Amino acid sequence: MNETIRQTVLDLMNRHGIGELEYEGPDGTLMLDTERAIQAHAKILADSPGVFLSRHPGDKTEPVWPRHVRRGEIIGWLKVGPLLRPVTAREDAVVARPILPDGSLAGYGGRLF
């Protein structure tokens, strides 16, 4: 998003008492918060069918969303039978939150983030 447009939208939000704005389009999600602006470009698709997990089953900490991710960083898992396949970020971006709840079935090419 153009920085001028972003700032104009944030100014309008402040003027009208809007604290948060979220827009989801075919190319990604835009989230703006008057405290901090977050643009989420990541559109992450499942590269195989499986059960989606936002964290490894051995990890007991809750994932924090939105979060900054680096290219290649593991941001989730697909459980395929007894195997766990990592879901990785394809680019440096901000991931707003998973589209699917944990334990949901993800189809091949289905959107995860």
PDB file of N, CA and C in Angstrom:
ATOM      1  N   MET A   1       0.847  -1.170   0.000  1.00  0.00           N
ATOM      2  CA  MET A   1       0.000   0.000   0.000  1.00  0.00           C
ATOM      3  C   MET A   1       0.888   1.227   0.000  1.00  0.00           C
ATOM      4  N   ASN A   2       0.540   2.169  -0.828  1.00  0.00           N
ATOM      5  CA  ASN A   2       1.235   3.435  -0.909  1.00  0.00           C
ATOM      6  C   ASN A   2       1.206   4.107   0.465  1.00  0.00           C
ATOM      7  N   GLU A   3       2.343   4.622   0.921  1.00  0.00           N
ATOM      8  CA  GLU A   3       2.451   5.224   2.252  1.00  0.00           C
ATOM      9  C   GLU A   3       1.506   6.414   2.426  1.00  0.00           C
ATOM     10  N   THR A   4       1.312   7.210   1.378  1.00  0.00           N
ATOM     11  CA  THR A   4       0.407   8.359   1.453  1.00  0.00           C
ATOM     12  C   THR A   4      -1.035   7.902   1.664  1.00  0.00           C
ATOM     13  N   ILE A   5      -1.447   6.878   0.916  1.00  0.00           N
ATOM     14  CA  ILE A   5      -2.809   6.344   1.065  1.00  0.00           C
ATOM     15  C   ILE A   5      -2.984   5.745   2.456  1.00  0.00           C
ATOM     16  N   ARG A   6      -1.991   5.006   2.905  1.00  0.00           N
ATOM     17  CA  ARG A   6      -2.043   4.392   4.236  1.00  0.00           C
ATOM     18  C   ARG A   6      -2.244   5.455   5.305  1.00  0.00           C
ATOM     19  N   GLN A   7      -1.469   6.529   5.224  1.00  0.00           N
ATOM     20  CA  GLN A   7      -1.564   7.581   6.227  1.00  0.00           C
ATOM     21  C   GLN A   7      -2.902   8.301   6.144  1.00  0.00           C
ATOM     22  N   THR A   8      -3.427   8.496   4.938  1.00  0.00           N
ATOM     23  CA  THR A   8      -4.741   9.127   4.761  1.00  0.00           C
ATOM     24  C   THR A   8      -5.832   8.280   5.409  1.00  0.00           C
ATOM     25  N   VAL A   9      -5.779   6.976   5.179  1.00  0.00           N
ATOM     26  CA  VAL A   9      -6.770   6.075   5.778  1.00  0.00           C
ATOM     27  C   VAL A   9      -6.650   6.093   7.306  1.00  0.00           C
ATOM     28  N   LEU A  10      -5.436   6.067   7.834  1.00  0.00           N
ATOM     29  CA  LEU A  10      -5.246   6.132   9.289  1.00  0.00           C
ATOM     30  C   LEU A  10      -5.772   7.451   9.857  1.00  0.00           C
ATOM     31  N   ASP A  11      -5.545   8.561   9.147  1.00  0.00           N
ATOM     32  CA  ASP A  11      -6.071   9.860   9.599  1.00  0.00           C
ATOM     33  C   ASP A  11      -7.599   9.854   9.631  1.00  0.00           C
ATOM     34  N   LEU A  12      -8.219   9.302   8.590  1.00  0.00           N
ATOM     35  CA  LEU A  12      -9.686   9.206   8.556  1.00  0.00           C
ATOM     36  C   LEU A  12     -10.207   8.319   9.690  1.00  0.00           C
ATOM     37  N   MET A  13      -9.516   7.232   9.961  1.00  0.00           N
ATOM     38  CA  MET A  13      -9.916   6.345  11.056  1.00  0.00           C
ATOM     39  C   MET A  13      -9.875   7.095  12.384  1.00  0.00           C
ATOM     40  N   ASN A  14      -8.796   7.836  12.616  1.00  0.00           N
ATOM     41  CA  ASN A  14      -8.677   8.615  13.851  1.00  0.00           C
ATOM     42  C   ASN A  14      -9.778   9.670  13.949  1.00  0.00           C
ATOM     43  N   ARG A  15     -10.046  10.359  12.854  1.00  0.00           N
ATOM     44  CA  ARG A  15     -11.041  11.424  12.841  1.00  0.00           C
ATOM     45  C   ARG A  15     -12.450  10.899  13.147  1.00  0.00           C
ATOM     46  N   HIS A  16     -12.736   9.694  12.704  1.00  0.00           N
ATOM     47  CA  HIS A  16     -14.081   9.135  12.878  1.00  0.00           C
ATOM     48  C   HIS A  16     -14.173   8.112  14.007  1.00  0.00           C
ATOM     49  N   GLY A  17     -13.123   8.005  14.800  1.00  0.00           N
ATOM     50  CA  GLY A  17     -13.155   7.128  15.963  1.00  0.00           C
ATOM     51  C   GLY A  17     -13.121   5.645  15.644  1.00  0.00           C
ATOM     52  N   ILE A  18     -12.505   5.284  14.536  1.00  0.00           N
ATOM     53  CA  ILE A  18     -12.383   3.877  14.161  1.00  0.00           C
ATOM     54  C   ILE A  18     -11.008   3.392  14.608  1.00  0.00           C
ATOM     55  N   GLY A  19     -10.995   2.375  15.465  1.00  0.00           N
ATOM     56  CA  GLY A  19      -9.740   1.882  16.011  1.00  0.00           C
ATOM     57  C   GLY A  19      -9.047   0.861  15.136  1.00  0.00           C
ATOM     58  N   GLU A  20      -9.821   0.006  14.467  1.00  0.00           N
ATOM     59  CA  GLU A  20      -9.233  -1.046  13.644  1.00  0.00           C
ATOM     60  C   GLU A  20      -9.999  -1.184  12.338  1.00  0.00           C
ATOM     61  N   LEU A  21      -9.278  -1.567  11.300  1.00  0.00           N
ATOM     62  CA  LEU A  21      -9.877  -1.813  10.002  1.00  0.00           C
ATOM     63  C   LEU A  21      -9.220  -3.058   9.436  1.00  0.00           C
ATOM     64  N   GLU A  22     -10.044  -3.985   8.936  1.00  0.00           N
ATOM     65  CA  GLU A  22      -9.507  -5.181   8.302  1.00  0.00           C
ATOM     66  C   GLU A  22     -10.197  -5.376   6.963  1.00  0.00           C
ATOM     67  N   TYR A  23      -9.400  -5.576   5.925  1.00  0.00           N
ATOM     68  CA  TYR A  23      -9.924  -5.822   4.592  1.00  0.00           C
ATOM     69  C   TYR A  23      -9.236  -7.062   4.052  1.00  0.00           C
ATOM     70  N   GLU A  24     -10.027  -8.000   3.533  1.00  0.00           N
ATOM     71  CA  GLU A  24      -9.467  -9.203   2.934  1.00  0.00           C
ATOM     72  C   GLU A  24      -9.850  -9.235   1.467  1.00  0.00           C
ATOM     73  N   GLY A  25      -8.853  -9.302   0.615  1.00  0.00           N
ATOM     74  CA  GLY A  25      -9.070  -9.364  -0.822  1.00  0.00           C
ATOM     75  C   GLY A  25      -8.374 -10.580  -1.399  1.00  0.00           C
ATOM     76  N   PRO A  26      -8.432 -10.761  -2.707  1.00  0.00           N
ATOM     77  CA  PRO A  26      -7.849 -11.947  -3.331  1.00  0.00           C
ATOM     78  C   PRO A  26      -6.323 -12.001  -3.241  1.00  0.00           C
ATOM     79  N   ASP A  27      -5.674 -10.857  -3.025  1.00  0.00           N
ATOM     80  CA  ASP A  27      -4.217 -10.825  -2.965  1.00  0.00           C
ATOM     81  C   ASP A  27      -3.652 -10.783  -1.551  1.00  0.00           C
ATOM     82  N   GLY A  28      -4.506 -10.803  -0.552  1.00  0.00           N
ATOM     83  CA  GLY A  28      -4.020 -10.766   0.819  1.00  0.00           C
ATOM     84  C   GLY A  28      -4.952  -9.988   1.718  1.00  0.00           C
ATOM     85  N   THR A  29      -4.472  -9.693   2.891  1.00  0.00           N
ATOM     86  CA  THR A  29      -5.266  -9.019   3.901  1.00  0.00           C
ATOM     87  C   THR A  29      -4.567  -7.732   4.309  1.00  0.00           C
ATOM     88  N   LEU A  30      -5.368  -6.708   4.552  1.00  0.00           N
ATOM     89  CA  LEU A  30      -4.844  -5.453   5.059  1.00  0.00           C
ATOM     90  C   LEU A  30      -5.481  -5.216   6.405  1.00  0.00           C
ATOM     91  N   MET A  31      -4.653  -5.032   7.422  1.00  0.00           N
ATOM     92  CA  MET A  31      -5.148  -4.714   8.755  1.00  0.00           C
ATOM     93  C   MET A  31      -4.501  -3.408   9.184  1.00  0.00           C
ATOM     94  N   LEU A  32      -5.330  -2.460   9.587  1.00  0.00           N
ATOM     95  CA  LEU A  32      -4.822  -1.197  10.103  1.00  0.00           C
ATOM     96  C   LEU A  32      -5.356  -1.000  11.508  1.00  0.00           C
ATOM     97  N   ASP A  33      -4.489  -0.556  12.365  1.00  0.00           N
ATOM     98  CA  ASP A  33      -4.828  -0.267  13.754  1.00  0.00           C
ATOM     99  C   ASP A  33      -4.296   1.135  13.999  1.00  0.00           C
ATOM    100  N   THR A  34      -5.086   1.991  14.596  1.00  0.00           N
ATOM    101  CA  THR A  34      -4.628   3.369  14.800  1.00  0.00           C
ATOM    102  C   THR A  34      -3.412   3.435  15.725  1.00  0.00           C
ATOM    103  N   GLU A  35      -3.225   2.409  16.559  1.00  0.00           N
ATOM    104  CA  GLU A  35      -2.037   2.352  17.416  1.00  0.00           C
ATOM    105  C   GLU A  35      -0.808   1.944  16.601  1.00  0.00           C
ATOM    106  N   ARG A  36      -0.988   0.962  15.757  1.00  0.00           N
ATOM    107  CA  ARG A  36       0.098   0.472  14.916  1.00  0.00           C
ATOM    108  C   ARG A  36      -0.526  -0.087  13.654  1.00  0.00           C
ATOM    109  N   ALA A  37       0.078   0.170  12.525  1.00  0.00           N
ATOM    110  CA  ALA A  37      -0.467  -0.290  11.242  1.00  0.00           C
ATOM    111  C   ALA A  37       0.240  -1.572  10.828  1.00  0.00           C
ATOM    112  N   ILE A  38      -0.559  -2.534  10.425  1.00  0.00           N
ATOM    113  CA  ILE A  38      -0.019  -3.819  10.005  1.00  0.00           C
ATOM    114  C   ILE A  38      -0.557  -4.117   8.615  1.00  0.00           C
ATOM    115  N   GLN A  39       0.338  -4.401   7.702  1.00  0.00           N
ATOM    116  CA  GLN A  39      -0.106  -4.823   6.388  1.00  0.00           C
ATOM    117  C   GLN A  39       0.318  -6.266   6.211  1.00  0.00           C
ATOM    118  N   ALA A  40      -0.640  -7.117   6.003  1.00  0.00           N
ATOM    119  CA  ALA A  40      -0.351  -8.536   5.864  1.00  0.00           C
ATOM    120  C   ALA A  40      -0.443  -8.916   4.396  1.00  0.00           C
ATOM    121  N   HIS A  41       0.696  -9.217   3.809  1.00  0.00           N
ATOM    122  CA  HIS A  41       0.739  -9.597   2.410  1.00  0.00           C
ATOM    123  C   HIS A  41       0.646 -11.103   2.249  1.00  0.00           C
ATOM    124  N   ALA A  42       0.969 -11.827   3.285  1.00  0.00           N
ATOM    125  CA  ALA A  42       1.106 -13.266   3.164  1.00  0.00           C
ATOM    126  C   ALA A  42      -0.209 -13.932   2.792  1.00  0.00           C
ATOM    127  N   LYS A  43      -0.163 -14.659   1.707  1.00  0.00           N
ATOM    128  CA  LYS A  43      -1.277 -15.510   1.295  1.00  0.00           C
ATOM    129  C   LYS A  43      -0.656 -16.892   1.181  1.00  0.00           C
ATOM    130  N   ILE A  44      -0.838 -17.699   2.197  1.00  0.00           N
ATOM    131  CA  ILE A  44      -0.148 -18.978   2.273  1.00  0.00           C
ATOM    132  C   ILE A  44      -1.144 -20.104   2.048  1.00  0.00           C
ATOM    133  N   LEU A  45      -0.817 -20.956   1.076  1.00  0.00           N
ATOM    134  CA  LEU A  45      -1.688 -22.051   0.678  1.00  0.00           C
ATOM    135  C   LEU A  45      -1.102 -23.385   1.105  1.00  0.00           C
ATOM    136  N   ALA A  46      -1.976 -24.368   1.304  1.00  0.00           N
ATOM    137  CA  ALA A  46      -1.531 -25.713   1.659  1.00  0.00           C
ATOM    138  C   ALA A  46      -0.915 -26.379   0.438  1.00  0.00           C
ATOM    139  N   ASP A  47       0.279 -26.950   0.619  1.00  0.00           N
ATOM    140  CA  ASP A  47       0.909 -27.643  -0.504  1.00  0.00           C
ATOM    141  C   ASP A  47       0.563 -29.131  -0.533  1.00  0.00           C
ATOM    142  N   SER A  48      -0.276 -29.543   0.419  1.00  0.00           N
ATOM    143  CA  SER A  48      -0.806 -30.905   0.431  1.00  0.00           C
ATOM    144  C   SER A  48      -2.046 -30.909   1.320  1.00  0.00           C
ATOM    145  N   PRO A  49      -2.916 -31.894   1.152  1.00  0.00           N
ATOM    146  CA  PRO A  49      -4.048 -31.985   2.076  1.00  0.00           C
ATOM    147  C   PRO A  49      -3.547 -32.446   3.444  1.00  0.00           C
ATOM    148  N   GLY A  50      -4.256 -32.094   4.489  1.00  0.00           N
ATOM    149  CA  GLY A  50      -3.881 -32.525   5.826  1.00  0.00           C
ATOM    150  C   GLY A  50      -4.661 -31.761   6.874  1.00  0.00           C
ATOM    151  N   VAL A  51      -4.387 -32.082   8.111  1.00  0.00           N
ATOM    152  CA  VAL A  51      -5.022 -31.398   9.239  1.00  0.00           C
ATOM    153  C   VAL A  51      -4.121 -30.231   9.635  1.00  0.00           C
ATOM    154  N   PHE A  52      -4.675 -29.028   9.645  1.00  0.00           N
ATOM    155  CA  PHE A  52      -3.893 -27.824   9.926  1.00  0.00           C
ATOM    156  C   PHE A  52      -3.663 -27.660  11.427  1.00  0.00           C
ATOM    157  N   LEU A  53      -2.410 -27.337  11.780  1.00  0.00           N
ATOM    158  CA  LEU A  53      -2.033 -27.011  13.160  1.00  0.00           C
ATOM    159  C   LEU A  53      -1.225 -25.721  13.127  1.00  0.00           C
ATOM    160  N   SER A  54      -1.577 -24.769  13.969  1.00  0.00           N
ATOM    161  CA  SER A  54      -0.845 -23.496  13.985  1.00  0.00           C
ATOM    162  C   SER A  54       0.445 -23.587  14.792  1.00  0.00           C
ATOM    163  N   ARG A  55       0.631 -24.672  15.500  1.00  0.00           N
ATOM    164  CA  ARG A  55       1.882 -24.900  16.239  1.00  0.00           C
ATOM    165  C   ARG A  55       2.157 -26.398  16.291  1.00  0.00           C
ATOM    166  N   HIS A  56       3.401 -26.745  16.534  1.00  0.00           N
ATOM    167  CA  HIS A  56       3.806 -28.143  16.646  1.00  0.00           C
ATOM    168  C   HIS A  56       3.108 -28.759  17.861  1.00  0.00           C
ATOM    169  N   PRO A  57       2.659 -30.017  17.767  1.00  0.00           N
ATOM    170  CA  PRO A  57       1.970 -30.637  18.904  1.00  0.00           C
ATOM    171  C   PRO A  57       2.790 -30.654  20.199  1.00  0.00           C
ATOM    172  N   GLY A  58       4.107 -30.622  20.081  1.00  0.00           N
ATOM    173  CA  GLY A  58       4.960 -30.598  21.267  1.00  0.00           C
ATOM    174  C   GLY A  58       5.158 -29.216  21.854  1.00  0.00           C
ATOM    175  N   ASP A  59       4.741 -28.194  21.135  1.00  0.00           N
ATOM    176  CA  ASP A  59       4.896 -26.810  21.576  1.00  0.00           C
ATOM    177  C   ASP A  59       3.645 -26.410  22.356  1.00  0.00           C
ATOM    178  N   LYS A  60       3.794 -26.086  23.608  1.00  0.00           N
ATOM    179  CA  LYS A  60       2.652 -25.746  24.462  1.00  0.00           C
ATOM    180  C   LYS A  60       2.363 -24.248  24.532  1.00  0.00           C
ATOM    181  N   THR A  61       3.182 -23.427  23.872  1.00  0.00           N
ATOM    182  CA  THR A  61       2.940 -21.981  23.891  1.00  0.00           C
ATOM    183  C   THR A  61       1.896 -21.623  22.841  1.00  0.00           C
ATOM    184  N   GLU A  62       1.124 -20.598  23.119  1.00  0.00           N
ATOM    185  CA  GLU A  62       0.118 -20.122  22.178  1.00  0.00           C
ATOM    186  C   GLU A  62       0.796 -19.240  21.125  1.00  0.00           C
ATOM    187  N   PRO A  63       0.496 -19.449  19.850  1.00  0.00           N
ATOM    188  CA  PRO A  63       1.063 -18.558  18.836  1.00  0.00           C
ATOM    189  C   PRO A  63       0.487 -17.152  18.959  1.00  0.00           C
ATOM    190  N   VAL A  64       1.277 -16.174  18.607  1.00  0.00           N
ATOM    191  CA  VAL A  64       0.866 -14.770  18.678  1.00  0.00           C
ATOM    192  C   VAL A  64       0.575 -14.289  17.258  1.00  0.00           C
ATOM    193  N   TRP A  65      -0.606 -13.707  17.075  1.00  0.00           N
ATOM    194  CA  TRP A  65      -1.005 -13.163  15.770  1.00  0.00           C
ATOM    195  C   TRP A  65      -1.428 -11.721  15.948  1.00  0.00           C
ATOM    196  N   PRO A  66      -1.173 -10.856  15.056  1.00  0.00           N
ATOM    197  CA  PRO A  66      -0.335 -11.007  13.878  1.00  0.00           C
ATOM    198  C   PRO A  66       1.129 -11.103  14.264  1.00  0.00           C
ATOM    199  N   ARG A  67       1.920 -11.616  13.346  1.00  0.00           N
ATOM    200  CA  ARG A  67       3.351 -11.714  13.636  1.00  0.00           C
ATOM    201  C   ARG A  67       4.169 -11.552  12.363  1.00  0.00           C
ATOM    202  N   HIS A  68       5.363 -11.007  12.550  1.00  0.00           N
ATOM    203  CA  HIS A  68       6.304 -10.847  11.445  1.00  0.00           C
ATOM    204  C   HIS A  68       6.973 -12.189  11.211  1.00  0.00           C
ATOM    205  N   VAL A  69       7.060 -12.599   9.960  1.00  0.00           N
ATOM    206  CA  VAL A  69       7.721 -13.855   9.613  1.00  0.00           C
ATOM    207  C   VAL A  69       8.767 -13.595   8.546  1.00  0.00           C
ATOM    208  N   ARG A  70       9.768 -14.434   8.527  1.00  0.00           N
ATOM    209  CA  ARG A  70      10.834 -14.352   7.536  1.00  0.00           C
ATOM    210  C   ARG A  70      10.644 -15.481   6.525  1.00  0.00           C
ATOM    211  N   ARG A  71      11.123 -15.272   5.339  1.00  0.00           N
ATOM    212  CA  ARG A  71      11.044 -16.292   4.299  1.00  0.00           C
ATOM    213  C   ARG A  71      11.664 -17.593   4.812  1.00  0.00           C
ATOM    214  N   GLY A  72      10.925 -18.696   4.668  1.00  0.00           N
ATOM    215  CA  GLY A  72      11.410 -20.003   5.100  1.00  0.00           C
ATOM    216  C   GLY A  72      11.058 -20.353   6.536  1.00  0.00           C
ATOM    217  N   GLU A  73      10.558 -19.389   7.303  1.00  0.00           N
ATOM    218  CA  GLU A  73      10.197 -19.651   8.701  1.00  0.00           C
ATOM    219  C   GLU A  73       8.970 -20.562   8.772  1.00  0.00           C
ATOM    220  N   ILE A  74       9.001 -21.527   9.671  1.00  0.00           N
ATOM    221  CA  ILE A  74       7.864 -22.419   9.866  1.00  0.00           C
ATOM    222  C   ILE A  74       6.795 -21.653  10.640  1.00  0.00           C
ATOM    223  N   ILE A  75       5.593 -21.586  10.061  1.00  0.00           N
ATOM    224  CA  ILE A  75       4.506 -20.842  10.702  1.00  0.00           C
ATOM    225  C   ILE A  75       3.297 -21.716  10.999  1.00  0.00           C
ATOM    226  N   GLY A  76       3.397 -22.978  10.688  1.00  0.00           N
ATOM    227  CA  GLY A  76       2.312 -23.913  10.960  1.00  0.00           C
ATOM    228  C   GLY A  76       2.704 -25.302  10.498  1.00  0.00           C
ATOM    229  N   TRP A  77       1.769 -26.221  10.642  1.00  0.00           N
ATOM    230  CA  TRP A  77       2.029 -27.625  10.288  1.00  0.00           C
ATOM    231  C   TRP A  77       0.799 -28.220   9.631  1.00  0.00           C
ATOM    232  N   LEU A  78       1.031 -29.183   8.753  1.00  0.00           N
ATOM    233  CA  LEU A  78      -0.034 -30.001   8.192  1.00  0.00           C
ATOM    234  C   LEU A  78       0.231 -31.435   8.624  1.00  0.00           C
ATOM    235  N   LYS A  79      -0.732 -32.011   9.314  1.00  0.00           N
ATOM    236  CA  LYS A  79      -0.603 -33.403   9.751  1.00  0.00           C
ATOM    237  C   LYS A  79      -1.194 -34.275   8.653  1.00  0.00           C
ATOM    238  N   VAL A  80      -0.347 -35.111   8.083  1.00  0.00           N
ATOM    239  CA  VAL A  80      -0.741 -36.011   7.006  1.00  0.00           C
ATOM    240  C   VAL A  80      -0.474 -37.423   7.510  1.00  0.00           C
ATOM    241  N   GLY A  81      -1.523 -38.088   7.977  1.00  0.00           N
ATOM    242  CA  GLY A  81      -1.341 -39.389   8.616  1.00  0.00           C
ATOM    243  C   GLY A  81      -0.449 -39.215   9.829  1.00  0.00           C
ATOM    244  N   PRO A  82       0.617 -40.012   9.946  1.00  0.00           N
ATOM    245  CA  PRO A  82       1.513 -39.868  11.102  1.00  0.00           C
ATOM    246  C   PRO A  82       2.590 -38.794  10.900  1.00  0.00           C
ATOM    247  N   LEU A  83       2.629 -38.177   9.721  1.00  0.00           N
ATOM    248  CA  LEU A  83       3.669 -37.196   9.408  1.00  0.00           C
ATOM    249  C   LEU A  83       3.217 -35.770   9.680  1.00  0.00           C
ATOM    250  N   LEU A  84       4.174 -34.934  10.039  1.00  0.00           N
ATOM    251  CA  LEU A  84       3.940 -33.487  10.159  1.00  0.00           C
ATOM    252  C   LEU A  84       4.747 -32.795   9.076  1.00  0.00           C
ATOM    253  N   ARG A  85       4.056 -32.053   8.225  1.00  0.00           N
ATOM    254  CA  ARG A  85       4.718 -31.295   7.165  1.00  0.00           C
ATOM    255  C   ARG A  85       4.726 -29.820   7.565  1.00  0.00           C
ATOM    256  N   PRO A  86       5.893 -29.165   7.526  1.00  0.00           N
ATOM    257  CA  PRO A  86       5.930 -27.751   7.904  1.00  0.00           C
ATOM    258  C   PRO A  86       5.263 -26.873   6.853  1.00  0.00           C
ATOM    259  N   VAL A  87       4.594 -25.835   7.325  1.00  0.00           N
ATOM    260  CA  VAL A  87       4.061 -24.784   6.467  1.00  0.00           C
ATOM    261  C   VAL A  87       5.016 -23.609   6.654  1.00  0.00           C
ATOM    262  N   THR A  88       5.632 -23.165   5.574  1.00  0.00           N
ATOM    263  CA  THR A  88       6.640 -22.111   5.682  1.00  0.00           C
ATOM    264  C   THR A  88       6.202 -20.841   4.965  1.00  0.00           C
ATOM    265  N   ALA A  89       6.728 -19.729   5.444  1.00  0.00           N
ATOM    266  CA  ALA A  89       6.476 -18.437   4.799  1.00  0.00           C
ATOM    267  C   ALA A  89       7.274 -18.386   3.508  1.00  0.00           C
ATOM    268  N   ARG A  90       6.651 -17.944   2.445  1.00  0.00           N
ATOM    269  CA  ARG A  90       7.318 -17.870   1.137  1.00  0.00           C
ATOM    270  C   ARG A  90       8.029 -16.535   0.937  1.00  0.00           C
ATOM    271  N   GLU A  91       7.754 -15.565   1.839  1.00  0.00           N
ATOM    272  CA  GLU A  91       8.380 -14.248   1.758  1.00  0.00           C
ATOM    273  C   GLU A  91       8.381 -13.608   3.137  1.00  0.00           C
ATOM    274  N   ASP A  92       9.214 -12.604   3.328  1.00  0.00           N
ATOM    275  CA  ASP A  92       9.162 -11.812   4.546  1.00  0.00           C
ATOM    276  C   ASP A  92       7.839 -11.053   4.531  1.00  0.00           C
ATOM    277  N   ALA A  93       7.073 -11.157   5.601  1.00  0.00           N
ATOM    278  CA  ALA A  93       5.751 -10.522   5.624  1.00  0.00           C
ATOM    279  C   ALA A  93       5.232 -10.481   7.043  1.00  0.00           C
ATOM    280  N   VAL A  94       4.030  -9.960   7.171  1.00  0.00           N
ATOM    281  CA  VAL A  94       3.286 -10.024   8.416  1.00  0.00           C
ATOM    282  C   VAL A  94       2.118 -10.967   8.166  1.00  0.00           C
ATOM    283  N   VAL A  95       1.974 -11.960   9.012  1.00  0.00           N
ATOM    284  CA  VAL A  95       0.869 -12.903   8.900  1.00  0.00           C
ATOM    285  C   VAL A  95      -0.175 -12.473   9.918  1.00  0.00           C
ATOM    286  N   ALA A  96      -1.368 -12.156   9.422  1.00  0.00           N
ATOM    287  CA  ALA A  96      -2.423 -11.644  10.293  1.00  0.00           C
ATOM    288  C   ALA A  96      -2.885 -12.704  11.284  1.00  0.00           C
ATOM    289  N   ARG A  97      -3.332 -13.840  10.775  1.00  0.00           N
ATOM    290  CA  ARG A  97      -3.771 -14.963  11.607  1.00  0.00           C
ATOM    291  C   ARG A  97      -4.163 -16.098  10.674  1.00  0.00           C
ATOM    292  N   PRO A  98      -4.250 -17.313  11.189  1.00  0.00           N
ATOM    293  CA  PRO A  98      -4.666 -18.423  10.329  1.00  0.00           C
ATOM    294  C   PRO A  98      -6.128 -18.256   9.906  1.00  0.00           C
ATOM    295  N   ILE A  99      -6.431 -18.708   8.698  1.00  0.00           N
ATOM    296  CA  ILE A  99      -7.799 -18.715   8.201  1.00  0.00           C
ATOM    297  C   ILE A  99      -8.545 -19.904   8.816  1.00  0.00           C
ATOM    298  N   LEU A 100      -7.859 -21.035   8.893  1.00  0.00           N
ATOM    299  CA  LEU A 100      -8.462 -22.258   9.438  1.00  0.00           C
ATOM    300  C   LEU A 100      -8.188 -22.386  10.923  1.00  0.00           C
ATOM    301  N   PRO A 101      -9.161 -22.869  11.695  1.00  0.00           N
ATOM    302  CA  PRO A 101      -8.884 -23.171  13.102  1.00  0.00           C
ATOM    303  C   PRO A 101      -8.024 -24.428  13.209  1.00  0.00           C
ATOM    304  N   ASP A 102      -7.287 -24.537  14.292  1.00  0.00           N
ATOM    305  CA  ASP A 102      -6.491 -25.736  14.533  1.00  0.00           C
ATOM    306  C   ASP A 102      -7.370 -26.982  14.472  1.00  0.00           C
ATOM    307  N   GLY A 103      -6.837 -28.028  13.838  1.00  0.00           N
ATOM    308  CA  GLY A 103      -7.557 -29.289  13.744  1.00  0.00           C
ATOM    309  C   GLY A 103      -8.488 -29.378  12.544  1.00  0.00           C
ATOM    310  N   SER A 104      -8.545 -28.301  11.737  1.00  0.00           N
ATOM    311  CA  SER A 104      -9.410 -28.312  10.548  1.00  0.00           C
ATOM    312  C   SER A 104      -8.706 -29.012   9.395  1.00  0.00           C
ATOM    313  N   LEU A 105      -9.481 -29.625   8.537  1.00  0.00           N
ATOM    314  CA  LEU A 105      -8.940 -30.278   7.357  1.00  0.00           C
ATOM    315  C   LEU A 105      -8.657 -29.227   6.285  1.00  0.00           C
ATOM    316  N   ALA A 106      -7.434 -29.260   5.784  1.00  0.00           N
ATOM    317  CA  ALA A 106      -7.020 -28.346   4.719  1.00  0.00           C
ATOM    318  C   ALA A 106      -6.912 -29.138   3.427  1.00  0.00           C
ATOM    319  N   GLY A 107      -7.494 -28.607   2.378  1.00  0.00           N
ATOM    320  CA  GLY A 107      -7.382 -29.243   1.075  1.00  0.00           C
ATOM    321  C   GLY A 107      -6.157 -28.736   0.338  1.00  0.00           C
ATOM    322  N   TYR A 108      -5.717 -29.493  -0.665  1.00  0.00           N
ATOM    323  CA  TYR A 108      -4.575 -29.072  -1.471  1.00  0.00           C
ATOM    324  C   TYR A 108      -4.889 -27.714  -2.100  1.00  0.00           C
ATOM    325  N   GLY A 109      -3.987 -26.754  -1.913  1.00  0.00           N
ATOM    326  CA  GLY A 109      -4.175 -25.416  -2.454  1.00  0.00           C
ATOM    327  C   GLY A 109      -5.103 -24.529  -1.659  1.00  0.00           C
ATOM    328  N   GLY A 110      -5.658 -25.064  -0.551  1.00  0.00           N
ATOM    329  CA  GLY A 110      -6.541 -24.265   0.303  1.00  0.00           C
ATOM    330  C   GLY A 110      -5.751 -23.200   1.048  1.00  0.00           C
ATOM    331  N   ARG A 111      -6.382 -22.077   1.273  1.00  0.00           N
ATOM    332  CA  ARG A 111      -5.704 -20.973   1.959  1.00  0.00           C
ATOM    333  C   ARG A 111      -5.622 -21.254   3.455  1.00  0.00           C
ATOM    334  N   LEU A 112      -4.409 -21.136   4.001  1.00  0.00           N
ATOM    335  CA  LEU A 112      -4.167 -21.329   5.432  1.00  0.00           C
ATOM    336  C   LEU A 112      -4.053 -19.996   6.154  1.00  0.00           C
ATOM    337  N   PHE A 113      -3.376 -19.036   5.518  1.00  0.00           N
ATOM    338  CA  PHE A 113      -3.174 -17.693   6.097  1.00  0.00           C
ATOM    339  C   PHE A 113      -3.541 -16.676   5.043  1.00  0.00           C
TER     340      PHE A 113
END
